[in-house]
Protein backbone atom coordinates (compact mmCIF):
# COMPACT_ATOMS: atom_id res chain seq x y z
CA MET A 1 185.02 73.92 -155.78
CA SER A 2 187.33 70.94 -155.20
CA ASP A 3 187.48 69.20 -151.83
CA LYS A 4 190.21 70.31 -149.47
CA LYS A 5 192.49 67.42 -148.58
CA PHE A 6 193.55 66.60 -145.04
CA TYR A 7 196.60 64.44 -144.33
CA TRP A 8 197.77 62.84 -141.14
CA LEU A 9 200.40 60.38 -139.94
CA MET A 10 199.40 57.20 -138.11
CA MET A 11 202.21 56.70 -135.60
CA PRO A 12 202.30 53.20 -134.07
CA LYS A 13 202.20 53.11 -130.29
CA GLU A 14 205.38 51.02 -130.24
CA PHE A 15 207.37 53.48 -132.38
CA PHE A 16 209.97 54.26 -129.70
CA LYS A 17 210.24 50.56 -128.79
CA ARG A 18 211.35 49.53 -132.29
CA HIS A 19 214.87 48.11 -132.35
CA ASP A 20 216.13 50.45 -135.07
CA ILE A 21 214.79 53.55 -133.29
CA ARG A 22 216.21 52.47 -129.92
CA ILE A 23 219.63 51.74 -131.42
CA ILE A 24 219.80 55.12 -133.16
CA GLU A 25 218.50 56.91 -130.08
CA ASN A 26 221.33 55.47 -127.97
CA THR A 27 224.10 56.63 -130.33
CA PRO A 28 225.86 60.00 -129.90
CA ASP A 29 223.39 62.74 -130.88
CA GLY A 30 220.76 59.99 -131.16
CA HIS A 31 217.97 62.05 -129.64
CA GLU A 32 218.57 64.84 -132.15
CA ILE A 33 218.64 62.33 -135.00
CA ILE A 34 215.28 60.84 -133.97
CA LEU A 35 213.78 64.31 -133.58
CA PHE A 36 215.05 65.19 -137.06
CA TYR A 37 213.51 61.96 -138.42
CA LEU A 38 210.12 62.80 -136.87
CA LYS A 39 210.23 66.26 -138.46
CA LEU A 40 211.03 64.70 -141.83
CA MET A 41 208.09 62.30 -141.48
CA LEU A 42 205.69 65.18 -140.96
CA GLU A 43 207.25 67.22 -143.75
CA SER A 44 206.82 64.32 -146.22
CA ILE A 45 203.11 63.73 -145.57
CA ASP A 46 201.65 65.69 -148.48
CA HIS A 47 204.22 64.23 -150.93
CA GLY A 48 203.59 60.56 -150.16
CA GLY A 49 206.76 60.02 -148.14
CA GLU A 50 209.02 62.06 -150.42
CA LEU A 51 210.92 65.13 -149.19
CA ARG A 52 210.25 67.80 -151.79
CA PHE A 53 209.86 71.56 -151.83
CA SER A 54 207.66 71.13 -154.91
CA GLU A 55 206.98 68.58 -157.64
CA ASP A 56 210.12 69.76 -159.46
CA ILE A 57 212.44 70.60 -156.55
CA PRO A 58 213.59 67.95 -154.03
CA TYR A 59 214.99 69.03 -150.67
CA ASN A 60 218.79 68.92 -150.28
CA PRO A 61 220.52 68.63 -146.87
CA GLU A 62 220.92 72.40 -146.51
CA MET A 63 217.21 72.95 -147.18
CA LEU A 64 216.29 70.21 -144.70
CA ALA A 65 218.49 71.87 -142.08
CA THR A 66 216.63 75.14 -142.63
CA ILE A 67 213.04 73.86 -142.56
CA THR A 68 213.64 71.59 -139.54
CA ASP A 69 215.83 74.10 -137.66
CA THR A 70 218.55 71.45 -137.34
CA ASP A 71 222.32 71.93 -137.37
CA ILE A 72 223.74 70.94 -140.76
CA GLU A 73 226.22 68.52 -139.14
CA ILE A 74 223.35 66.74 -137.41
CA VAL A 75 221.53 66.62 -140.76
CA HIS A 76 224.43 64.86 -142.51
CA LYS A 77 224.90 62.52 -139.55
CA SER A 78 221.17 61.75 -139.50
CA ILE A 79 221.05 60.99 -143.21
CA LYS A 80 223.84 58.42 -142.83
CA ALA A 81 222.21 56.79 -139.79
CA LEU A 82 218.74 56.67 -141.34
CA GLU A 83 220.10 55.27 -144.62
CA ALA A 84 221.98 52.58 -142.69
CA PHE A 85 218.72 51.37 -141.13
CA LYS A 86 216.79 51.79 -144.42
CA LEU A 87 214.60 54.50 -142.90
CA LEU A 88 215.67 56.92 -145.64
CA GLU A 89 216.61 56.39 -149.29
CA GLU A 90 217.98 58.72 -151.95
CA HIS A 91 216.64 58.31 -155.48
CA ASP A 92 218.61 58.96 -158.64
CA ASP A 93 217.14 62.45 -159.02
CA GLY A 94 218.31 63.43 -155.52
CA THR A 95 214.93 63.00 -153.85
CA TYR A 96 215.04 61.69 -150.30
CA VAL A 97 212.29 59.17 -149.54
CA LEU A 98 211.05 57.75 -146.22
CA PRO A 99 209.85 54.24 -147.23
CA LYS A 100 208.17 53.35 -143.93
CA VAL A 101 206.15 56.55 -143.94
CA MET A 102 204.22 55.69 -147.12
CA SER A 103 202.00 53.15 -145.35
CA MET A 104 201.46 55.49 -142.38
CA ILE A 105 199.98 58.39 -144.35
CA LYS A 106 196.20 58.75 -144.34
CA SER A 107 194.05 61.36 -146.07
CA ALA A 108 190.45 62.51 -146.48
CA SER A 109 188.61 65.42 -148.07
CA ASP A 110 186.71 67.79 -145.79
CA THR A 111 183.43 67.73 -147.75
CA ALA A 112 183.42 63.95 -148.11
CA GLU A 113 184.10 63.56 -144.42
CA ALA A 114 181.38 66.06 -143.56
CA ARG A 115 178.87 64.12 -145.67
CA ARG A 116 179.74 60.86 -143.94
CA GLN A 117 179.46 62.40 -140.49
CA ARG A 118 176.11 63.98 -141.40
CA ARG A 119 174.72 60.65 -142.63
CA CYS A 120 175.88 58.98 -139.44
CA ARG A 121 174.25 61.66 -137.25
CA GLU A 122 171.00 61.43 -139.21
CA ALA A 123 170.93 57.64 -138.84
CA LYS A 124 171.57 57.86 -135.10
CA ASN A 125 168.94 60.59 -134.63
CA ALA A 126 166.37 58.57 -136.58
CA GLU A 127 167.07 55.51 -134.45
CA ARG A 128 166.81 57.56 -131.24
CA ASP A 129 163.50 59.10 -132.34
CA LYS A 130 162.14 55.67 -133.22
CA MET A 131 163.06 54.23 -129.85
CA SER A 132 161.61 57.27 -128.04
CA HIS A 133 158.32 56.98 -129.95
CA GLU A 134 158.04 53.26 -129.25
CA SER A 135 158.78 53.85 -125.58
CA VAL A 136 156.04 56.49 -125.22
CA THR A 137 153.54 54.37 -127.15
CA GLY A 138 154.31 51.34 -125.01
CA VAL A 139 153.74 53.29 -121.76
CA THR A 140 150.43 54.76 -122.99
CA ASP A 141 149.12 51.37 -124.07
CA ASP A 142 150.17 49.83 -120.78
CA VAL A 143 148.36 52.48 -118.69
CA THR A 144 145.20 52.12 -120.80
CA GLU A 145 145.21 48.36 -120.44
CA ARG A 146 145.62 48.55 -116.66
CA HIS A 147 142.76 51.04 -116.39
CA ASP A 148 140.30 48.95 -118.42
CA SER A 149 141.17 45.44 -117.25
CA ASN A 150 141.19 43.38 -114.06
CA SER A 151 144.27 41.90 -112.41
CA ASN A 152 144.38 38.98 -114.85
CA SER A 153 144.28 41.36 -117.80
CA TYR A 154 147.04 43.40 -116.16
CA SER A 155 149.28 40.35 -115.94
CA HIS A 156 148.60 39.53 -119.56
CA ASN A 157 149.33 43.11 -120.60
CA ASN A 158 152.56 43.16 -118.63
CA SER A 159 153.71 40.01 -120.40
CA HIS A 160 152.69 41.47 -123.75
CA SER A 161 154.57 44.69 -123.05
CA HIS A 162 157.68 42.71 -122.08
CA ASN A 163 157.54 40.72 -125.32
CA HIS A 164 156.97 43.94 -127.27
CA ARG A 165 160.09 45.51 -125.77
CA GLU A 166 162.14 42.40 -126.55
CA SER A 167 160.97 42.60 -130.16
CA ASN A 168 161.97 46.27 -130.33
CA ASP A 169 165.36 45.44 -128.83
CA ASP A 170 165.88 42.77 -131.52
CA ASP A 171 164.97 45.30 -134.23
CA THR A 172 167.44 47.83 -132.76
CA ARG A 173 170.25 45.30 -132.59
CA SER A 174 169.65 44.15 -136.14
CA GLN A 175 169.72 47.65 -137.64
CA PHE A 176 173.20 48.37 -139.02
CA VAL A 177 174.69 51.88 -138.85
CA PRO A 178 177.69 52.40 -141.18
CA PRO A 179 180.88 53.44 -139.33
CA THR A 180 182.64 56.74 -139.88
CA VAL A 181 186.22 56.96 -141.11
CA GLU A 182 187.28 57.93 -137.57
CA GLU A 183 185.65 54.83 -136.08
CA VAL A 184 187.35 52.54 -138.60
CA ASP A 185 190.62 54.44 -138.09
CA ARG A 186 190.50 53.96 -134.32
CA TYR A 187 189.72 50.25 -134.66
CA CYS A 188 192.56 49.75 -137.16
CA GLN A 189 194.96 51.52 -134.80
CA GLU A 190 193.85 49.26 -131.95
CA ARG A 191 194.62 46.20 -134.10
CA HIS A 192 197.86 47.73 -135.49
CA ASN A 193 197.04 46.84 -139.10
CA ASN A 194 197.76 48.74 -142.32
CA ILE A 195 194.21 48.99 -143.60
CA ASN A 196 193.32 52.37 -145.09
CA PRO A 197 190.13 53.51 -143.24
CA GLN A 198 189.20 55.93 -146.02
CA LEU A 199 189.45 53.20 -148.67
CA PHE A 200 187.48 50.76 -146.48
CA VAL A 201 184.57 53.18 -145.92
CA ASP A 202 184.52 54.38 -149.53
CA TYR A 203 184.52 50.78 -150.80
CA TYR A 204 181.44 49.72 -148.85
CA THR A 205 179.67 53.07 -149.13
CA ALA A 206 179.78 52.69 -152.91
CA ARG A 207 178.12 49.28 -152.49
CA GLY A 208 175.49 50.51 -150.03
CA TRP A 209 176.96 48.40 -147.18
CA LYS A 210 174.96 45.45 -148.51
CA SER A 211 175.02 42.29 -146.37
CA ILE A 212 177.26 43.98 -143.76
CA LYS A 213 176.14 43.26 -140.19
CA ASP A 214 179.42 43.67 -138.32
CA TRP A 215 181.91 46.07 -139.91
CA LYS A 216 184.61 45.18 -137.38
CA ALA A 217 184.46 41.57 -138.51
CA VAL A 218 184.94 42.77 -142.10
CA VAL A 219 188.00 44.80 -141.02
CA ARG A 220 189.47 41.67 -139.48
CA ALA A 221 188.78 39.79 -142.71
CA TRP A 222 190.66 42.46 -144.69
CA GLU A 223 193.46 42.23 -142.15
CA ASN A 224 193.75 38.45 -142.53
CA ARG A 225 193.72 38.79 -146.31
CA GLU A 226 196.62 41.27 -146.16
CA LYS A 227 198.54 38.90 -143.91
CA ARG A 228 198.07 36.07 -146.40
CA GLU A 229 199.21 38.32 -149.26
CA ASP A 230 202.32 39.29 -147.28
CA ILE A 231 203.15 35.62 -146.75
CA LEU A 232 202.72 34.88 -150.46
């Protein structure tokens, strides 16, 4: 059985503050045009930013009016406004395309995502069990030492227990737990970059996350690389 695909749209927090959106919104029927644009964005998700009924049939204005429940006059007016601001393009075969939407579409398969979440839970549970076991062992040893030793031995044991806990804390901090797609997705949204969280996780999962100690630092490195490529 093939994996079921999930698609979603990463809307930037500043969407309604963009100059093009604010200009359109303040024109006659601007609110309806923006609402129509948002409906088109969602409709285009599973076709990579293209507005199609199927692989062979692109949507025409009348079809768009029907599926978005929008007056046909508003549809024609919206198409002109969106084309003017390069938010919508019409290809030679009549297909309408939303160019800015292509970089906002994210996807993942349900089984692959479930496997990643399960691995993450197992890693966290193993770490919690380890810390719990070490905590119980440390308390038992400490009580035994206090029972069998004098006050000087107690002081020595207390110092030893403190050093032992510090060592355990160092081990815990040094153990790396791979992030989930959702964690990478949230961090990328916070930084407003165009990194694909699914691609990022798949890339390093295939390599066993070797030499990775801080995945957020790696995300920032990808981000800087993309910025340099954009400049070039």
